[in-house]
Amino acid sequence: MPTASWNGAVIAQATDAQVQVVENNVYFPLSAVTQEYLRPSSHTSICPWKGTASYYDLVVDGQTNANAAWYYPQPKDAARQIAGHVAFWRGVSVER
């Protein structure tokens, strides 16, 4: 079962069927992410084929990992399978 964890907390957990793997990044459905750890960030980035990514900071036990989660609120057609999904980086451990 794929999981994402950081700072001793499981941030997300889903079944293999629920996640999407794109460019070696595991995208978890937002419903599989523990919402209390997410804080909206104003940071964005642009991928030519996926669209504009928005970010979340992760906050666990008073520690903040800035822009450690990203998602595509309106992915381009080529990336529609990751709509409603979140991926992680910046020290977040993702186990498949």
PDB file of N, CA and C in Angstrom:
ATOM      1  N   MET A   1       0.849  -1.181   0.000  1.00  0.00           N
ATOM      2  CA  MET A   1       0.000   0.000   0.000  1.00  0.00           C
ATOM      3  C   MET A   1       0.892   1.241   0.000  1.00  0.00           C
ATOM      4  N   PRO A   2       0.796   2.078  -1.009  1.00  0.00           N
ATOM      5  CA  PRO A   2       1.631   3.278  -1.069  1.00  0.00           C
ATOM      6  C   PRO A   2       1.352   4.233   0.099  1.00  0.00           C
ATOM      7  N   THR A   3       2.444   4.761   0.658  1.00  0.00           N
ATOM      8  CA  THR A   3       2.336   5.733   1.744  1.00  0.00           C
ATOM      9  C   THR A   3       3.327   6.872   1.509  1.00  0.00           C
ATOM     10  N   ALA A   4       3.001   8.025   2.059  1.00  0.00           N
ATOM     11  CA  ALA A   4       3.910   9.172   2.085  1.00  0.00           C
ATOM     12  C   ALA A   4       4.037   9.593   3.539  1.00  0.00           C
ATOM     13  N   SER A   5       5.263   9.791   4.014  1.00  0.00           N
ATOM     14  CA  SER A   5       5.458  10.187   5.404  1.00  0.00           C
ATOM     15  C   SER A   5       6.553  11.238   5.514  1.00  0.00           C
ATOM     16  N   TRP A   6       6.423  12.034   6.558  1.00  0.00           N
ATOM     17  CA  TRP A   6       7.415  13.069   6.831  1.00  0.00           C
ATOM     18  C   TRP A   6       7.345  13.424   8.304  1.00  0.00           C
ATOM     19  N   ASN A   7       8.501  13.645   8.901  1.00  0.00           N
ATOM     20  CA  ASN A   7       8.605  14.075  10.292  1.00  0.00           C
ATOM     21  C   ASN A   7       7.851  13.128  11.229  1.00  0.00           C
ATOM     22  N   GLY A   8       7.904  11.829  10.927  1.00  0.00           N
ATOM     23  CA  GLY A   8       7.299  10.816  11.781  1.00  0.00           C
ATOM     24  C   GLY A   8       5.812  10.605  11.596  1.00  0.00           C
ATOM     25  N   ALA A   9       5.202  11.295  10.646  1.00  0.00           N
ATOM     26  CA  ALA A   9       3.751  11.167  10.440  1.00  0.00           C
ATOM     27  C   ALA A   9       3.462  10.610   9.054  1.00  0.00           C
ATOM     28  N   VAL A  10       2.440   9.765   8.972  1.00  0.00           N
ATOM     29  CA  VAL A  10       1.965   9.300   7.672  1.00  0.00           C
ATOM     30  C   VAL A  10       1.077  10.395   7.111  1.00  0.00           C
ATOM     31  N   ILE A  11       1.488  10.965   5.996  1.00  0.00           N
ATOM     32  CA  ILE A  11       0.781  12.083   5.370  1.00  0.00           C
ATOM     33  C   ILE A  11      -0.330  11.575   4.456  1.00  0.00           C
ATOM     34  N   ALA A  12      -0.033  10.474   3.745  1.00  0.00           N
ATOM     35  CA  ALA A  12      -1.002   9.917   2.799  1.00  0.00           C
ATOM     36  C   ALA A  12      -0.847   8.405   2.750  1.00  0.00           C
ATOM     37  N   GLN A  13      -1.970   7.728   2.500  1.00  0.00           N
ATOM     38  CA  GLN A  13      -1.958   6.274   2.350  1.00  0.00           C
ATOM     39  C   GLN A  13      -3.098   5.894   1.421  1.00  0.00           C
ATOM     40  N   ALA A  14      -2.790   5.072   0.422  1.00  0.00           N
ATOM     41  CA  ALA A  14      -3.795   4.698  -0.569  1.00  0.00           C
ATOM     42  C   ALA A  14      -3.495   3.294  -1.086  1.00  0.00           C
ATOM     43  N   THR A  15      -4.421   2.737  -1.814  1.00  0.00           N
ATOM     44  CA  THR A  15      -4.179   1.452  -2.459  1.00  0.00           C
ATOM     45  C   THR A  15      -3.449   1.689  -3.777  1.00  0.00           C
ATOM     46  N   ASP A  16      -2.859   0.631  -4.310  1.00  0.00           N
ATOM     47  CA  ASP A  16      -2.180   0.736  -5.606  1.00  0.00           C
ATOM     48  C   ASP A  16      -3.128   1.234  -6.681  1.00  0.00           C
ATOM     49  N   ALA A  17      -4.372   0.801  -6.626  1.00  0.00           N
ATOM     50  CA  ALA A  17      -5.357   1.188  -7.648  1.00  0.00           C
ATOM     51  C   ALA A  17      -5.731   2.667  -7.567  1.00  0.00           C
ATOM     52  N   GLN A  18      -5.554   3.288  -6.404  1.00  0.00           N
ATOM     53  CA  GLN A  18      -5.949   4.687  -6.230  1.00  0.00           C
ATOM     54  C   GLN A  18      -4.884   5.675  -6.687  1.00  0.00           C
ATOM     55  N   VAL A  19      -3.614   5.284  -6.652  1.00  0.00           N
ATOM     56  CA  VAL A  19      -2.546   6.223  -6.987  1.00  0.00           C
ATOM     57  C   VAL A  19      -2.283   6.231  -8.485  1.00  0.00           C
ATOM     58  N   GLN A  20      -1.699   7.320  -8.933  1.00  0.00           N
ATOM     59  CA  GLN A  20      -1.247   7.462 -10.311  1.00  0.00           C
ATOM     60  C   GLN A  20       0.259   7.736 -10.265  1.00  0.00           C
ATOM     61  N   VAL A  21       1.023   7.078 -11.115  1.00  0.00           N
ATOM     62  CA  VAL A  21       2.463   7.315 -11.177  1.00  0.00           C
ATOM     63  C   VAL A  21       2.755   8.013 -12.506  1.00  0.00           C
ATOM     64  N   VAL A  22       3.301   9.226 -12.402  1.00  0.00           N
ATOM     65  CA  VAL A  22       3.633  10.026 -13.569  1.00  0.00           C
ATOM     66  C   VAL A  22       5.051  10.564 -13.363  1.00  0.00           C
ATOM     67  N   GLU A  23       5.911  10.296 -14.314  1.00  0.00           N
ATOM     68  CA  GLU A  23       7.311  10.735 -14.242  1.00  0.00           C
ATOM     69  C   GLU A  23       7.964  10.307 -12.928  1.00  0.00           C
ATOM     70  N   ASN A  24       7.708   9.081 -12.508  1.00  0.00           N
ATOM     71  CA  ASN A  24       8.229   8.489 -11.266  1.00  0.00           C
ATOM     72  C   ASN A  24       7.731   9.175  -9.996  1.00  0.00           C
ATOM     73  N   ASN A  25       6.743  10.030 -10.100  1.00  0.00           N
ATOM     74  CA  ASN A  25       6.122  10.633  -8.925  1.00  0.00           C
ATOM     75  C   ASN A  25       4.806   9.913  -8.648  1.00  0.00           C
ATOM     76  N   VAL A  26       4.583   9.598  -7.376  1.00  0.00           N
ATOM     77  CA  VAL A  26       3.347   8.936  -6.973  1.00  0.00           C
ATOM     78  C   VAL A  26       2.339  10.013  -6.594  1.00  0.00           C
ATOM     79  N   TYR A  27       1.231  10.048  -7.288  1.00  0.00           N
ATOM     80  CA  TYR A  27       0.156  11.002  -7.018  1.00  0.00           C
ATOM     81  C   TYR A  27      -0.938  10.287  -6.233  1.00  0.00           C
ATOM     82  N   PHE A  28      -1.183  10.765  -5.019  1.00  0.00           N
ATOM     83  CA  PHE A  28      -2.204  10.209  -4.142  1.00  0.00           C
ATOM     84  C   PHE A  28      -3.510  10.976  -4.324  1.00  0.00           C
ATOM     85  N   PRO A  29      -4.641  10.276  -4.283  1.00  0.00           N
ATOM     86  CA  PRO A  29      -5.901  11.026  -4.319  1.00  0.00           C
ATOM     87  C   PRO A  29      -5.977  11.937  -3.095  1.00  0.00           C
ATOM     88  N   LEU A  30      -6.495  13.125  -3.273  1.00  0.00           N
ATOM     89  CA  LEU A  30      -6.591  14.073  -2.163  1.00  0.00           C
ATOM     90  C   LEU A  30      -7.343  13.464  -0.981  1.00  0.00           C
ATOM     91  N   SER A  31      -8.304  12.608  -1.251  1.00  0.00           N
ATOM     92  CA  SER A  31      -9.076  11.965  -0.176  1.00  0.00           C
ATOM     93  C   SER A  31      -8.221  11.022   0.664  1.00  0.00           C
ATOM     94  N   ALA A  32      -7.037  10.625   0.167  1.00  0.00           N
ATOM     95  CA  ALA A  32      -6.150   9.718   0.906  1.00  0.00           C
ATOM     96  C   ALA A  32      -5.094  10.474   1.710  1.00  0.00           C
ATOM     97  N   VAL A  33      -5.130  11.799   1.642  1.00  0.00           N
ATOM     98  CA  VAL A  33      -4.158  12.647   2.336  1.00  0.00           C
ATOM     99  C   VAL A  33      -4.782  13.175   3.622  1.00  0.00           C
ATOM    100  N   THR A  34      -4.030  13.120   4.710  1.00  0.00           N
ATOM    101  CA  THR A  34      -4.498  13.654   5.989  1.00  0.00           C
ATOM    102  C   THR A  34      -4.497  15.180   5.896  1.00  0.00           C
ATOM    103  N   GLN A  35      -5.688  15.738   5.815  1.00  0.00           N
ATOM    104  CA  GLN A  35      -5.855  17.166   5.543  1.00  0.00           C
ATOM    105  C   GLN A  35      -5.237  18.069   6.612  1.00  0.00           C
ATOM    106  N   GLU A  36      -5.171  17.612   7.843  1.00  0.00           N
ATOM    107  CA  GLU A  36      -4.648  18.463   8.920  1.00  0.00           C
ATOM    108  C   GLU A  36      -3.180  18.832   8.709  1.00  0.00           C
ATOM    109  N   TYR A  37      -2.465  18.085   7.874  1.00  0.00           N
ATOM    110  CA  TYR A  37      -1.058  18.375   7.622  1.00  0.00           C
ATOM    111  C   TYR A  37      -0.838  19.352   6.471  1.00  0.00           C
ATOM    112  N   LEU A  38      -1.860  19.672   5.725  1.00  0.00           N
ATOM    113  CA  LEU A  38      -1.734  20.531   4.551  1.00  0.00           C
ATOM    114  C   LEU A  38      -2.076  21.982   4.858  1.00  0.00           C
ATOM    115  N   ARG A  39      -1.234  22.890   4.380  1.00  0.00           N
ATOM    116  CA  ARG A  39      -1.504  24.327   4.448  1.00  0.00           C
ATOM    117  C   ARG A  39      -1.307  24.886   3.042  1.00  0.00           C
ATOM    118  N   PRO A  40      -2.277  25.602   2.508  1.00  0.00           N
ATOM    119  CA  PRO A  40      -2.112  26.157   1.160  1.00  0.00           C
ATOM    120  C   PRO A  40      -0.888  27.069   1.071  1.00  0.00           C
ATOM    121  N   SER A  41      -0.208  26.989  -0.043  1.00  0.00           N
ATOM    122  CA  SER A  41       0.948  27.839  -0.329  1.00  0.00           C
ATOM    123  C   SER A  41       0.595  28.712  -1.533  1.00  0.00           C
ATOM    124  N   SER A  42       1.232  29.846  -1.643  1.00  0.00           N
ATOM    125  CA  SER A  42       0.992  30.710  -2.802  1.00  0.00           C
ATOM    126  C   SER A  42       1.910  30.352  -3.972  1.00  0.00           C
ATOM    127  N   HIS A  43       2.793  29.401  -3.765  1.00  0.00           N
ATOM    128  CA  HIS A  43       3.759  29.011  -4.799  1.00  0.00           C
ATOM    129  C   HIS A  43       3.066  28.265  -5.945  1.00  0.00           C
ATOM    130  N   THR A  44       3.504  28.532  -7.161  1.00  0.00           N
ATOM    131  CA  THR A  44       3.035  27.796  -8.343  1.00  0.00           C
ATOM    132  C   THR A  44       4.230  27.516  -9.244  1.00  0.00           C
ATOM    133  N   SER A  45       4.056  26.562 -10.138  1.00  0.00           N
ATOM    134  CA  SER A  45       5.045  26.293 -11.178  1.00  0.00           C
ATOM    135  C   SER A  45       4.293  25.812 -12.407  1.00  0.00           C
ATOM    136  N   ILE A  46       4.978  25.819 -13.534  1.00  0.00           N
ATOM    137  CA  ILE A  46       4.319  25.446 -14.786  1.00  0.00           C
ATOM    138  C   ILE A  46       5.048  24.274 -15.429  1.00  0.00           C
ATOM    139  N   CYS A  47       4.285  23.271 -15.793  1.00  0.00           N
ATOM    140  CA  CYS A  47       4.779  22.143 -16.575  1.00  0.00           C
ATOM    141  C   CYS A  47       4.165  22.266 -17.964  1.00  0.00           C
ATOM    142  N   PRO A  48       4.964  22.175 -19.017  1.00  0.00           N
ATOM    143  CA  PRO A  48       4.423  22.374 -20.358  1.00  0.00           C
ATOM    144  C   PRO A  48       3.303  21.400 -20.732  1.00  0.00           C
ATOM    145  N   TRP A  49       3.326  20.183 -20.210  1.00  0.00           N
ATOM    146  CA  TRP A  49       2.297  19.229 -20.630  1.00  0.00           C
ATOM    147  C   TRP A  49       1.258  18.923 -19.550  1.00  0.00           C
ATOM    148  N   LYS A  50       1.547  19.258 -18.278  1.00  0.00           N
ATOM    149  CA  LYS A  50       0.561  19.007 -17.216  1.00  0.00           C
ATOM    150  C   LYS A  50      -0.227  20.265 -16.858  1.00  0.00           C
ATOM    151  N   GLY A  51       0.386  21.429 -16.967  1.00  0.00           N
ATOM    152  CA  GLY A  51      -0.296  22.673 -16.632  1.00  0.00           C
ATOM    153  C   GLY A  51       0.360  23.385 -15.466  1.00  0.00           C
ATOM    154  N   THR A  52      -0.413  24.214 -14.776  1.00  0.00           N
ATOM    155  CA  THR A  52       0.087  24.989 -13.639  1.00  0.00           C
ATOM    156  C   THR A  52      -0.150  24.226 -12.349  1.00  0.00           C
ATOM    157  N   ALA A  53       0.929  24.001 -11.612  1.00  0.00           N
ATOM    158  CA  ALA A  53       0.855  23.299 -10.333  1.00  0.00           C
ATOM    159  C   ALA A  53       0.685  24.301  -9.197  1.00  0.00           C
ATOM    160  N   SER A  54      -0.122  23.932  -8.232  1.00  0.00           N
ATOM    161  CA  SER A  54      -0.247  24.661  -6.973  1.00  0.00           C
ATOM    162  C   SER A  54       0.387  23.801  -5.887  1.00  0.00           C
ATOM    163  N   TYR A  55       0.721  24.425  -4.773  1.00  0.00           N
ATOM    164  CA  TYR A  55       1.474  23.731  -3.729  1.00  0.00           C
ATOM    165  C   TYR A  55       0.811  23.835  -2.367  1.00  0.00           C
ATOM    166  N   TYR A  56       1.183  22.889  -1.517  1.00  0.00           N
ATOM    167  CA  TYR A  56       0.852  22.910  -0.101  1.00  0.00           C
ATOM    168  C   TYR A  56       2.158  22.858   0.682  1.00  0.00           C
ATOM    169  N   ASP A  57       2.183  23.528   1.835  1.00  0.00           N
ATOM    170  CA  ASP A  57       3.217  23.293   2.836  1.00  0.00           C
ATOM    171  C   ASP A  57       2.723  22.131   3.686  1.00  0.00           C
ATOM    172  N   LEU A  58       3.652  21.327   4.199  1.00  0.00           N
ATOM    173  CA  LEU A  58       3.302  20.303   5.169  1.00  0.00           C
ATOM    174  C   LEU A  58       3.667  20.826   6.547  1.00  0.00           C
ATOM    175  N   VAL A  59       2.771  20.663   7.499  1.00  0.00           N
ATOM    176  CA  VAL A  59       3.022  21.090   8.868  1.00  0.00           C
ATOM    177  C   VAL A  59       2.736  19.901   9.783  1.00  0.00           C
ATOM    178  N   VAL A  60       3.795  19.423  10.436  1.00  0.00           N
ATOM    179  CA  VAL A  60       3.690  18.268  11.329  1.00  0.00           C
ATOM    180  C   VAL A  60       4.452  18.577  12.607  1.00  0.00           C
ATOM    181  N   ASP A  61       3.784  18.466  13.738  1.00  0.00           N
ATOM    182  CA  ASP A  61       4.403  18.701  15.051  1.00  0.00           C
ATOM    183  C   ASP A  61       5.180  20.010  15.105  1.00  0.00           C
ATOM    184  N   GLY A  62       4.597  21.064  14.553  1.00  0.00           N
ATOM    185  CA  GLY A  62       5.207  22.383  14.607  1.00  0.00           C
ATOM    186  C   GLY A  62       6.302  22.624  13.584  1.00  0.00           C
ATOM    187  N   GLN A  63       6.648  21.623  12.797  1.00  0.00           N
ATOM    188  CA  GLN A  63       7.668  21.761  11.758  1.00  0.00           C
ATOM    189  C   GLN A  63       6.984  21.973  10.409  1.00  0.00           C
ATOM    190  N   THR A  64       7.533  22.871   9.600  1.00  0.00           N
ATOM    191  CA  THR A  64       6.963  23.159   8.282  1.00  0.00           C
ATOM    192  C   THR A  64       7.933  22.750   7.190  1.00  0.00           C
ATOM    193  N   ASN A  65       7.418  22.046   6.203  1.00  0.00           N
ATOM    194  CA  ASN A  65       8.160  21.683   5.005  1.00  0.00           C
ATOM    195  C   ASN A  65       7.487  22.455   3.861  1.00  0.00           C
ATOM    196  N   ALA A  66       8.088  23.587   3.503  1.00  0.00           N
ATOM    197  CA  ALA A  66       7.469  24.502   2.543  1.00  0.00           C
ATOM    198  C   ALA A  66       7.363  23.889   1.148  1.00  0.00           C
ATOM    199  N   ASN A  67       6.206  24.033   0.562  1.00  0.00           N
ATOM    200  CA  ASN A  67       5.951  23.611  -0.821  1.00  0.00           C
ATOM    201  C   ASN A  67       6.303  22.142  -1.072  1.00  0.00           C
ATOM    202  N   ALA A  68       6.061  21.291  -0.094  1.00  0.00           N
ATOM    203  CA  ALA A  68       6.453  19.880  -0.179  1.00  0.00           C
ATOM    204  C   ALA A  68       5.428  19.008  -0.893  1.00  0.00           C
ATOM    205  N   ALA A  69       4.266  19.558  -1.189  1.00  0.00           N
ATOM    206  CA  ALA A  69       3.235  18.803  -1.909  1.00  0.00           C
ATOM    207  C   ALA A  69       2.718  19.656  -3.052  1.00  0.00           C
ATOM    208  N   TRP A  70       2.448  19.012  -4.176  1.00  0.00           N
ATOM    209  CA  TRP A  70       1.913  19.772  -5.306  1.00  0.00           C
ATOM    210  C   TRP A  70       0.781  19.019  -5.971  1.00  0.00           C
ATOM    211  N   TYR A  71      -0.026  19.799  -6.671  1.00  0.00           N
ATOM    212  CA  TYR A  71      -1.179  19.239  -7.386  1.00  0.00           C
ATOM    213  C   TYR A  71      -1.513  20.160  -8.549  1.00  0.00           C
ATOM    214  N   TYR A  72      -2.305  19.645  -9.460  1.00  0.00           N
ATOM    215  CA  TYR A  72      -2.724  20.412 -10.636  1.00  0.00           C
ATOM    216  C   TYR A  72      -4.225  20.636 -10.550  1.00  0.00           C
ATOM    217  N   PRO A  73      -4.649  21.841 -10.163  1.00  0.00           N
ATOM    218  CA  PRO A  73      -6.087  22.096 -10.022  1.00  0.00           C
ATOM    219  C   PRO A  73      -6.851  21.930 -11.336  1.00  0.00           C
ATOM    220  N   GLN A  74      -6.208  22.261 -12.442  1.00  0.00           N
ATOM    221  CA  GLN A  74      -6.828  22.124 -13.764  1.00  0.00           C
ATOM    222  C   GLN A  74      -5.781  21.559 -14.725  1.00  0.00           C
ATOM    223  N   PRO A  75      -5.486  20.251 -14.600  1.00  0.00           N
ATOM    224  CA  PRO A  75      -4.453  19.696 -15.469  1.00  0.00           C
ATOM    225  C   PRO A  75      -4.874  19.713 -16.932  1.00  0.00           C
ATOM    226  N   LYS A  76      -3.880  19.797 -17.799  1.00  0.00           N
ATOM    227  CA  LYS A  76      -4.151  19.709 -19.231  1.00  0.00           C
ATOM    228  C   LYS A  76      -4.660  18.305 -19.553  1.00  0.00           C
ATOM    229  N   ASP A  77      -5.260  18.147 -20.714  1.00  0.00           N
ATOM    230  CA  ASP A  77      -5.843  16.862 -21.101  1.00  0.00           C
ATOM    231  C   ASP A  77      -4.860  15.700 -21.001  1.00  0.00           C
ATOM    232  N   ALA A  78      -3.611  15.929 -21.348  1.00  0.00           N
ATOM    233  CA  ALA A  78      -2.608  14.859 -21.319  1.00  0.00           C
ATOM    234  C   ALA A  78      -2.349  14.338 -19.900  1.00  0.00           C
ATOM    235  N   ALA A  79      -2.709  15.129 -18.894  1.00  0.00           N
ATOM    236  CA  ALA A  79      -2.469  14.753 -17.501  1.00  0.00           C
ATOM    237  C   ALA A  79      -3.764  14.626 -16.700  1.00  0.00           C
ATOM    238  N   ARG A  80      -4.865  14.431 -17.369  1.00  0.00           N
ATOM    239  CA  ARG A  80      -6.157  14.416 -16.663  1.00  0.00           C
ATOM    240  C   ARG A  80      -6.249  13.319 -15.607  1.00  0.00           C
ATOM    241  N   GLN A  81      -5.416  12.268 -15.712  1.00  0.00           N
ATOM    242  CA  GLN A  81      -5.465  11.189 -14.722  1.00  0.00           C
ATOM    243  C   GLN A  81      -4.985  11.631 -13.335  1.00  0.00           C
ATOM    244  N   ILE A  82      -4.302  12.785 -13.255  1.00  0.00           N
ATOM    245  CA  ILE A  82      -3.848  13.241 -11.938  1.00  0.00           C
ATOM    246  C   ILE A  82      -4.733  14.345 -11.358  1.00  0.00           C
ATOM    247  N   ALA A  83      -5.839  14.630 -11.989  1.00  0.00           N
ATOM    248  CA  ALA A  83      -6.797  15.588 -11.411  1.00  0.00           C
ATOM    249  C   ALA A  83      -7.241  15.060 -10.055  1.00  0.00           C
ATOM    250  N   GLY A  84      -7.243  15.920  -9.053  1.00  0.00           N
ATOM    251  CA  GLY A  84      -7.657  15.505  -7.716  1.00  0.00           C
ATOM    252  C   GLY A  84      -6.620  14.701  -6.966  1.00  0.00           C
ATOM    253  N   HIS A  85      -5.369  14.711  -7.439  1.00  0.00           N
ATOM    254  CA  HIS A  85      -4.284  13.964  -6.809  1.00  0.00           C
ATOM    255  C   HIS A  85      -3.170  14.912  -6.368  1.00  0.00           C
ATOM    256  N   VAL A  86      -2.395  14.453  -5.379  1.00  0.00           N
ATOM    257  CA  VAL A  86      -1.305  15.233  -4.787  1.00  0.00           C
ATOM    258  C   VAL A  86      -0.035  14.390  -4.797  1.00  0.00           C
ATOM    259  N   ALA A  87       1.098  15.009  -5.116  1.00  0.00           N
ATOM    260  CA  ALA A  87       2.399  14.347  -5.065  1.00  0.00           C
ATOM    261  C   ALA A  87       3.290  15.079  -4.060  1.00  0.00           C
ATOM    262  N   PHE A  88       4.376  14.430  -3.664  1.00  0.00           N
ATOM    263  CA  PHE A  88       5.241  14.956  -2.606  1.00  0.00           C
ATOM    264  C   PHE A  88       6.703  14.916  -3.017  1.00  0.00           C
ATOM    265  N   TRP A  89       7.487  15.800  -2.393  1.00  0.00           N
ATOM    266  CA  TRP A  89       8.923  15.824  -2.557  1.00  0.00           C
ATOM    267  C   TRP A  89       9.525  16.527  -1.350  1.00  0.00           C
ATOM    268  N   ARG A  90      10.755  17.029  -1.456  1.00  0.00           N
ATOM    269  CA  ARG A  90      11.437  17.768  -0.389  1.00  0.00           C
ATOM    270  C   ARG A  90      11.529  16.977   0.915  1.00  0.00           C
ATOM    271  N   GLY A  91      12.023  15.767   0.810  1.00  0.00           N
ATOM    272  CA  GLY A  91      12.254  14.959   2.006  1.00  0.00           C
ATOM    273  C   GLY A  91      11.087  14.115   2.451  1.00  0.00           C
ATOM    274  N   VAL A  92       9.981  14.176   1.753  1.00  0.00           N
ATOM    275  CA  VAL A  92       8.846  13.304   2.077  1.00  0.00           C
ATOM    276  C   VAL A  92       9.177  11.920   1.530  1.00  0.00           C
ATOM    277  N   SER A  93       9.084  10.936   2.390  1.00  0.00           N
ATOM    278  CA  SER A  93       9.363   9.552   1.998  1.00  0.00           C
ATOM    279  C   SER A  93       8.111   8.938   1.389  1.00  0.00           C
ATOM    280  N   VAL A  94       8.243   8.468   0.160  1.00  0.00           N
ATOM    281  CA  VAL A  94       7.119   7.810  -0.508  1.00  0.00           C
ATOM    282  C   VAL A  94       7.490   6.353  -0.755  1.00  0.00           C
ATOM    283  N   GLU A  95       6.717   5.470  -0.203  1.00  0.00           N
ATOM    284  CA  GLU A  95       6.933   4.027  -0.349  1.00  0.00           C
ATOM    285  C   GLU A  95       5.842   3.461  -1.238  1.00  0.00           C
ATOM    286  N   ARG A  96       6.238   2.651  -2.197  1.00  0.00           N
ATOM    287  CA  ARG A  96       5.263   1.993  -3.071  1.00  0.00           C
ATOM    288  C   ARG A  96       5.202   0.583  -2.637  1.00  0.00           C
TER     289      ARG A  96
END
